[in-house]
Amino acid sequence: MRRKSLGLSTLGMVALLVGIAFAITLLLKIGPHYLNYRTVQSLVNALTEKEVVEAGRAETMLTLQKRFKVNSLYDMKPEEVIRYKRERGSVSVSIDYEVREHLFGNVYVLLDFEETRKF
């Protein structure tokens, strides 16, 4: 009686390991940028109406700059990431930036982060 072979072949195992290595590389390269975005998002959501509307653009950016330092966002500057805009009795604070991350060879990933909060 002939038994069938069970399990992965060598080629199948190599393909599986390459897939896992690619997924881990992607996670390690892109993951920190999403964590930074979530931190910036929480900093913008923590702004009060008084800090934004009454204080003005300069004070808001100074407040965000201090909070960026406290949250270890040293590579980002609020002036490059945050847009402050007054519109007919309301103020909008927008997160708007892109990150270009090198994966390998000539392959890059472009991450585009956008969100707006109105006060």
C-alpha atoms as a PDB file:
ATOM      1  CA  MET A   1       0.000   0.000   0.000  1.00  0.00           C
ATOM      2  CA  ARG A   2       1.407   3.359  -1.053  1.00  0.00           C
ATOM      3  CA  ARG A   3       1.336   6.313   1.386  1.00  0.00           C
ATOM      4  CA  LYS A   4       0.834   9.873   0.249  1.00  0.00           C
ATOM      5  CA  SER A   5       3.404  12.437   1.246  1.00  0.00           C
ATOM      6  CA  LEU A   6       2.168  14.904   3.887  1.00  0.00           C
ATOM      7  CA  GLY A   7       3.496  18.370   4.674  1.00  0.00           C
ATOM      8  CA  LEU A   8       5.240  21.130   2.812  1.00  0.00           C
ATOM      9  CA  SER A   9       7.840  20.642   0.148  1.00  0.00           C
ATOM     10  CA  THR A  10      11.120  22.517   0.346  1.00  0.00           C
ATOM     11  CA  LEU A  11       9.907  25.048  -2.210  1.00  0.00           C
ATOM     12  CA  GLY A  12       6.679  25.537  -0.257  1.00  0.00           C
ATOM     13  CA  MET A  13       8.623  26.096   2.972  1.00  0.00           C
ATOM     14  CA  VAL A  14      10.890  28.683   1.295  1.00  0.00           C
ATOM     15  CA  ALA A  15       7.868  30.505  -0.152  1.00  0.00           C
ATOM     16  CA  LEU A  16       6.212  30.532   3.280  1.00  0.00           C
ATOM     17  CA  LEU A  17       9.349  31.893   4.963  1.00  0.00           C
ATOM     18  CA  VAL A  18       9.735  34.607   2.304  1.00  0.00           C
ATOM     19  CA  GLY A  19       6.097  35.636   2.828  1.00  0.00           C
ATOM     20  CA  ILE A  20       6.523  35.778   6.596  1.00  0.00           C
ATOM     21  CA  ALA A  21       9.777  37.758   6.272  1.00  0.00           C
ATOM     22  CA  PHE A  22       8.060  40.261   3.937  1.00  0.00           C
ATOM     23  CA  ALA A  23       5.136  40.700   6.337  1.00  0.00           C
ATOM     24  CA  ILE A  24       7.471  41.261   9.299  1.00  0.00           C
ATOM     25  CA  THR A  25       9.558  43.755   7.307  1.00  0.00           C
ATOM     26  CA  LEU A  26       6.427  45.644   6.290  1.00  0.00           C
ATOM     27  CA  LEU A  27       5.182  45.710   9.876  1.00  0.00           C
ATOM     28  CA  LEU A  28       8.510  46.933  11.265  1.00  0.00           C
ATOM     29  CA  LYS A  29       8.893  49.653   8.615  1.00  0.00           C
ATOM     30  CA  ILE A  30       5.298  50.964   8.552  1.00  0.00           C
ATOM     31  CA  GLY A  31       4.126  50.267  12.101  1.00  0.00           C
ATOM     32  CA  PRO A  32       6.010  53.132  13.816  1.00  0.00           C
ATOM     33  CA  HIS A  33       4.543  55.675  11.386  1.00  0.00           C
ATOM     34  CA  TYR A  34       0.998  54.595  12.264  1.00  0.00           C
ATOM     35  CA  LEU A  35       1.860  54.801  15.963  1.00  0.00           C
ATOM     36  CA  ASN A  36       3.167  58.346  15.438  1.00  0.00           C
ATOM     37  CA  TYR A  37      -0.023  59.254  13.563  1.00  0.00           C
ATOM     38  CA  ARG A  38      -2.165  57.912  16.395  1.00  0.00           C
ATOM     39  CA  THR A  39      -0.118  59.994  18.856  1.00  0.00           C
ATOM     40  CA  VAL A  40      -0.547  63.167  16.767  1.00  0.00           C
ATOM     41  CA  GLN A  41      -4.255  62.363  16.444  1.00  0.00           C
ATOM     42  CA  SER A  42      -4.614  62.049  20.218  1.00  0.00           C
ATOM     43  CA  LEU A  43      -2.740  65.333  20.744  1.00  0.00           C
ATOM     44  CA  VAL A  44      -5.085  67.173  18.371  1.00  0.00           C
ATOM     45  CA  ASN A  45      -8.137  65.579  19.979  1.00  0.00           C
ATOM     46  CA  ALA A  46      -6.845  66.644  23.417  1.00  0.00           C
ATOM     47  CA  LEU A  47      -6.851  70.312  22.399  1.00  0.00           C
ATOM     48  CA  THR A  48      -9.608  72.294  24.067  1.00  0.00           C
ATOM     49  CA  GLU A  49     -11.661  74.975  22.359  1.00  0.00           C
ATOM     50  CA  LYS A  50     -10.041  77.591  24.577  1.00  0.00           C
ATOM     51  CA  GLU A  51      -6.547  76.509  23.502  1.00  0.00           C
ATOM     52  CA  VAL A  52      -7.463  76.733  19.830  1.00  0.00           C
ATOM     53  CA  VAL A  53      -9.998  79.519  19.353  1.00  0.00           C
ATOM     54  CA  GLU A  54      -9.021  82.003  22.054  1.00  0.00           C
ATOM     55  CA  ALA A  55      -5.256  81.464  22.003  1.00  0.00           C
ATOM     56  CA  GLY A  56      -4.772  81.696  18.251  1.00  0.00           C
ATOM     57  CA  ARG A  57      -2.465  79.960  15.818  1.00  0.00           C
ATOM     58  CA  ALA A  58       0.889  80.826  17.416  1.00  0.00           C
ATOM     59  CA  GLU A  59      -0.144  79.686  20.898  1.00  0.00           C
ATOM     60  CA  THR A  60      -1.746  76.506  19.551  1.00  0.00           C
ATOM     61  CA  MET A  61       1.413  75.587  17.652  1.00  0.00           C
ATOM     62  CA  LEU A  62       3.550  76.309  20.735  1.00  0.00           C
ATOM     63  CA  THR A  63       1.286  74.088  22.847  1.00  0.00           C
ATOM     64  CA  LEU A  64       1.493  71.314  20.249  1.00  0.00           C
ATOM     65  CA  GLN A  65       5.273  71.680  20.008  1.00  0.00           C
ATOM     66  CA  LYS A  66       5.594  71.118  23.769  1.00  0.00           C
ATOM     67  CA  ARG A  67       3.273  68.106  23.600  1.00  0.00           C
ATOM     68  CA  PHE A  68       5.216  66.671  20.651  1.00  0.00           C
ATOM     69  CA  LYS A  69       8.392  66.779  22.770  1.00  0.00           C
ATOM     70  CA  VAL A  70       6.669  65.180  25.751  1.00  0.00           C
ATOM     71  CA  ASN A  71       5.405  62.357  23.500  1.00  0.00           C
ATOM     72  CA  SER A  72       8.825  61.792  21.847  1.00  0.00           C
ATOM     73  CA  LEU A  73       7.834  63.008  18.389  1.00  0.00           C
ATOM     74  CA  TYR A  74      11.257  64.516  17.770  1.00  0.00           C
ATOM     75  CA  ASP A  75      11.277  63.931  13.993  1.00  0.00           C
ATOM     76  CA  MET A  76       8.029  65.838  13.487  1.00  0.00           C
ATOM     77  CA  LYS A  77       7.355  69.546  13.821  1.00  0.00           C
ATOM     78  CA  PRO A  78       3.806  70.826  14.377  1.00  0.00           C
ATOM     79  CA  GLU A  79       4.271  73.443  11.633  1.00  0.00           C
ATOM     80  CA  GLU A  80       4.932  70.673   9.082  1.00  0.00           C
ATOM     81  CA  VAL A  81       2.188  68.316  10.239  1.00  0.00           C
ATOM     82  CA  ILE A  82      -0.672  70.511  11.504  1.00  0.00           C
ATOM     83  CA  ARG A  83      -2.715  73.027   9.488  1.00  0.00           C
ATOM     84  CA  TYR A  84      -4.551  75.746  11.445  1.00  0.00           C
ATOM     85  CA  LYS A  85      -7.319  77.538   9.554  1.00  0.00           C
ATOM     86  CA  ARG A  86      -9.939  80.116  10.600  1.00  0.00           C
ATOM     87  CA  GLU A  87     -13.239  79.906   8.692  1.00  0.00           C
ATOM     88  CA  ARG A  88     -16.286  82.089   9.398  1.00  0.00           C
ATOM     89  CA  GLY A  89     -16.539  81.833  13.141  1.00  0.00           C
ATOM     90  CA  SER A  90     -14.900  78.425  13.493  1.00  0.00           C
ATOM     91  CA  VAL A  91     -11.381  77.101  13.530  1.00  0.00           C
ATOM     92  CA  SER A  92     -10.231  73.853  11.964  1.00  0.00           C
ATOM     93  CA  VAL A  93      -7.086  72.014  12.945  1.00  0.00           C
ATOM     94  CA  SER A  94      -6.000  69.456  10.362  1.00  0.00           C
ATOM     95  CA  ILE A  95      -3.430  66.719  10.417  1.00  0.00           C
ATOM     96  CA  ASP A  96      -1.999  66.539   6.923  1.00  0.00           C
ATOM     97  CA  TYR A  97       1.323  64.913   6.093  1.00  0.00           C
ATOM     98  CA  GLU A  98       2.963  62.160   4.065  1.00  0.00           C
ATOM     99  CA  VAL A  99       5.721  59.728   4.947  1.00  0.00           C
ATOM    100  CA  ARG A 100       7.829  57.970   2.323  1.00  0.00           C
ATOM    101  CA  GLU A 101       9.436  54.785   3.666  1.00  0.00           C
ATOM    102  CA  HIS A 102      12.084  52.753   1.854  1.00  0.00           C
ATOM    103  CA  LEU A 103      11.370  49.022   1.905  1.00  0.00           C
ATOM    104  CA  PHE A 104      14.120  47.460  -0.201  1.00  0.00           C
ATOM    105  CA  GLY A 105      15.859  48.059  -3.509  1.00  0.00           C
ATOM    106  CA  ASN A 106      13.885  50.697  -5.363  1.00  0.00           C
ATOM    107  CA  VAL A 107      10.597  49.896  -3.604  1.00  0.00           C
ATOM    108  CA  TYR A 108       9.067  52.620  -1.435  1.00  0.00           C
ATOM    109  CA  VAL A 109       5.783  52.936   0.433  1.00  0.00           C
ATOM    110  CA  LEU A 110       3.954  56.271   0.627  1.00  0.00           C
ATOM    111  CA  LEU A 111       1.777  56.776   3.700  1.00  0.00           C
ATOM    112  CA  ASP A 112      -0.702  59.674   3.554  1.00  0.00           C
ATOM    113  CA  PHE A 113      -2.259  60.834   6.832  1.00  0.00           C
ATOM    114  CA  GLU A 114      -5.196  63.272   6.894  1.00  0.00           C
ATOM    115  CA  GLU A 115      -7.809  64.257   9.445  1.00  0.00           C
ATOM    116  CA  THR A 116      -9.627  67.489  10.353  1.00  0.00           C
ATOM    117  CA  ARG A 117     -11.188  68.621  13.613  1.00  0.00           C
ATOM    118  CA  LYS A 118     -13.361  71.710  13.846  1.00  0.00           C
ATOM    119  CA  PHE A 119     -13.733  73.887  16.927  1.00  0.00           C
END
